[in-house]
C-alpha atoms as a PDB file:
ATOM      1  CA  MET A   1       0.000   0.000   0.000  1.00  0.00           C
ATOM      2  CA  LEU A   2       1.309   3.447  -0.887  1.00  0.00           C
ATOM      3  CA  ASN A   3       1.654   5.919   1.898  1.00  0.00           C
ATOM      4  CA  LYS A   4       2.193   9.658   1.357  1.00  0.00           C
ATOM      5  CA  VAL A   5       5.996   9.406   1.470  1.00  0.00           C
ATOM      6  CA  ASN A   6       6.169   6.564  -1.038  1.00  0.00           C
ATOM      7  CA  TYR A   7       3.705   8.333  -3.332  1.00  0.00           C
ATOM      8  CA  LYS A   8       5.811  11.507  -3.196  1.00  0.00           C
ATOM      9  CA  ILE A   9       8.965   9.548  -4.048  1.00  0.00           C
ATOM     10  CA  LEU A  10       7.234   7.867  -6.981  1.00  0.00           C
ATOM     11  CA  SER A  11       5.947  11.252  -8.195  1.00  0.00           C
ATOM     12  CA  VAL A  12       9.411  12.791  -8.114  1.00  0.00           C
ATOM     13  CA  VAL A  13      10.997   9.794  -9.848  1.00  0.00           C
ATOM     14  CA  GLY A  14       8.255   9.812 -12.495  1.00  0.00           C
ATOM     15  CA  GLU A  15       8.834  13.510 -13.184  1.00  0.00           C
ATOM     16  CA  SER A  16      12.587  12.921 -13.399  1.00  0.00           C
ATOM     17  CA  ILE A  17      12.124  10.140 -15.942  1.00  0.00           C
ATOM     18  CA  ALA A  18       9.829  12.368 -17.998  1.00  0.00           C
ATOM     19  CA  ASP A  19      12.397  15.200 -17.857  1.00  0.00           C
ATOM     20  CA  VAL A  20      15.170  12.878 -19.009  1.00  0.00           C
ATOM     21  CA  GLN A  21      13.026  11.608 -21.878  1.00  0.00           C
ATOM     22  CA  GLU A  22      12.154  15.163 -22.914  1.00  0.00           C
ATOM     23  CA  LYS A  23      15.843  16.119 -22.914  1.00  0.00           C
ATOM     24  CA  MET A  24      16.753  13.041 -24.953  1.00  0.00           C
ATOM     25  CA  ASP A  25      14.023  13.927 -27.469  1.00  0.00           C
ATOM     26  CA  MET A  26      15.396  17.469 -27.825  1.00  0.00           C
ATOM     27  CA  LEU A  27      18.924  16.122 -28.145  1.00  0.00           C
ATOM     28  CA  ALA A  28      17.824  13.800 -30.957  1.00  0.00           C
ATOM     29  CA  ARG A  29      16.059  16.690 -32.715  1.00  0.00           C
ATOM     30  CA  VAL A  30      19.078  19.040 -32.632  1.00  0.00           C
ATOM     31  CA  ARG A  31      21.437  16.278 -33.732  1.00  0.00           C
ATOM     32  CA  LYS A  32      19.253  15.857 -36.807  1.00  0.00           C
ATOM     33  CA  ASN A  33      18.688  19.599 -37.368  1.00  0.00           C
ATOM     34  CA  GLY A  34      20.593  22.120 -35.262  1.00  0.00           C
ATOM     35  CA  TYR A  35      18.040  24.820 -36.022  1.00  0.00           C
ATOM     36  CA  GLU A  36      15.555  22.937 -33.827  1.00  0.00           C
ATOM     37  CA  LEU A  37      17.297  24.781 -30.991  1.00  0.00           C
ATOM     38  CA  ARG A  38      15.209  27.845 -31.858  1.00  0.00           C
ATOM     39  CA  TYR A  39      12.100  26.007 -30.608  1.00  0.00           C
ATOM     40  CA  ALA A  40      13.722  24.838 -27.386  1.00  0.00           C
ATOM     41  CA  SER A  41      12.873  26.157 -23.955  1.00  0.00           C
ATOM     42  CA  ALA A  42      15.227  28.638 -22.309  1.00  0.00           C
ATOM     43  CA  GLU A  43      16.405  25.765 -20.114  1.00  0.00           C
ATOM     44  CA  TYR A  44      17.539  23.747 -23.120  1.00  0.00           C
ATOM     45  CA  LYS A  45      19.060  26.789 -24.841  1.00  0.00           C
ATOM     46  CA  GLY A  46      21.258  26.970 -21.762  1.00  0.00           C
ATOM     47  CA  ASP A  47      22.015  23.250 -21.665  1.00  0.00           C
ATOM     48  CA  ARG A  48      25.604  22.723 -22.761  1.00  0.00           C
ATOM     49  CA  GLU A  49      25.077  19.210 -24.137  1.00  0.00           C
ATOM     50  CA  ILE A  50      22.079  20.216 -26.249  1.00  0.00           C
ATOM     51  CA  VAL A  51      23.658  23.410 -27.571  1.00  0.00           C
ATOM     52  CA  LEU A  52      26.927  21.659 -28.420  1.00  0.00           C
ATOM     53  CA  ALA A  53      25.011  19.017 -30.379  1.00  0.00           C
ATOM     54  CA  ALA A  54      23.015  21.718 -32.175  1.00  0.00           C
ATOM     55  CA  VAL A  55      26.005  23.828 -33.223  1.00  0.00           C
ATOM     56  CA  SER A  56      27.957  20.744 -34.242  1.00  0.00           C
ATOM     57  CA  GLN A  57      25.155  19.932 -36.675  1.00  0.00           C
ATOM     58  CA  ASN A  58      24.575  23.533 -37.775  1.00  0.00           C
ATOM     59  CA  GLY A  59      26.941  26.229 -36.568  1.00  0.00           C
ATOM     60  CA  CYS A  60      24.400  28.995 -37.080  1.00  0.00           C
ATOM     61  CA  ALA A  61      22.241  27.449 -34.354  1.00  0.00           C
ATOM     62  CA  LEU A  62      24.566  29.399 -32.054  1.00  0.00           C
ATOM     63  CA  GLU A  63      22.173  32.293 -32.605  1.00  0.00           C
ATOM     64  CA  TYR A  64      19.619  30.531 -30.376  1.00  0.00           C
ATOM     65  CA  ALA A  65      21.975  29.537 -27.544  1.00  0.00           C
ATOM     66  CA  SER A  66      21.846  31.289 -24.187  1.00  0.00           C
ATOM     67  CA  ALA A  67      24.094  34.321 -23.728  1.00  0.00           C
ATOM     68  CA  GLU A  68      26.257  32.331 -21.334  1.00  0.00           C
ATOM     69  CA  LEU A  69      26.873  29.539 -23.850  1.00  0.00           C
ATOM     70  CA  LYS A  70      27.525  32.007 -26.663  1.00  0.00           C
ATOM     71  CA  GLY A  71      30.589  32.915 -24.602  1.00  0.00           C
ATOM     72  CA  ASP A  72      31.713  29.303 -24.149  1.00  0.00           C
ATOM     73  CA  GLN A  73      34.923  28.764 -26.106  1.00  0.00           C
ATOM     74  CA  GLU A  74      34.270  25.100 -26.949  1.00  0.00           C
ATOM     75  CA  ILE A  75      30.756  25.811 -28.204  1.00  0.00           C
ATOM     76  CA  VAL A  76      31.826  28.790 -30.307  1.00  0.00           C
ATOM     77  CA  LEU A  77      34.713  26.788 -31.774  1.00  0.00           C
ATOM     78  CA  ALA A  78      32.368  23.912 -32.665  1.00  0.00           C
ATOM     79  CA  ALA A  79      29.919  26.352 -34.268  1.00  0.00           C
ATOM     80  CA  VAL A  80      32.555  28.196 -36.296  1.00  0.00           C
ATOM     81  CA  SER A  81      34.227  24.931 -37.316  1.00  0.00           C
ATOM     82  CA  GLN A  82      30.910  23.730 -38.697  1.00  0.00           C
ATOM     83  CA  ASN A  83      30.036  27.058 -40.346  1.00  0.00           C
ATOM     84  CA  GLY A  84      32.327  30.098 -40.382  1.00  0.00           C
ATOM     85  CA  TRP A  85      29.319  32.420 -40.591  1.00  0.00           C
ATOM     86  CA  ALA A  86      28.389  31.382 -37.042  1.00  0.00           C
ATOM     87  CA  PHE A  87      31.027  33.813 -35.776  1.00  0.00           C
ATOM     88  CA  GLN A  88      28.533  36.641 -36.208  1.00  0.00           C
ATOM     89  CA  TYR A  89      26.427  35.288 -33.329  1.00  0.00           C
END
């Protein structure tokens, strides 16, 4: 029988699994088309793994990254390596 504590734990775990699945879905989308980053939430635009995947696929996706990640040397280098025009972002 579920008591309140067990139910709360299951709720949190269920939300975590859903969050992980949502992130994996976004990661798959940007790996296929970096411009999908423009439709991402602010949280994902600030997620290093997602942004790096996006700019590696399409350097100009850097335009949609968070301000903090636009200043990240590795991300900018990946973007510019993929497309020199990405430097403008």
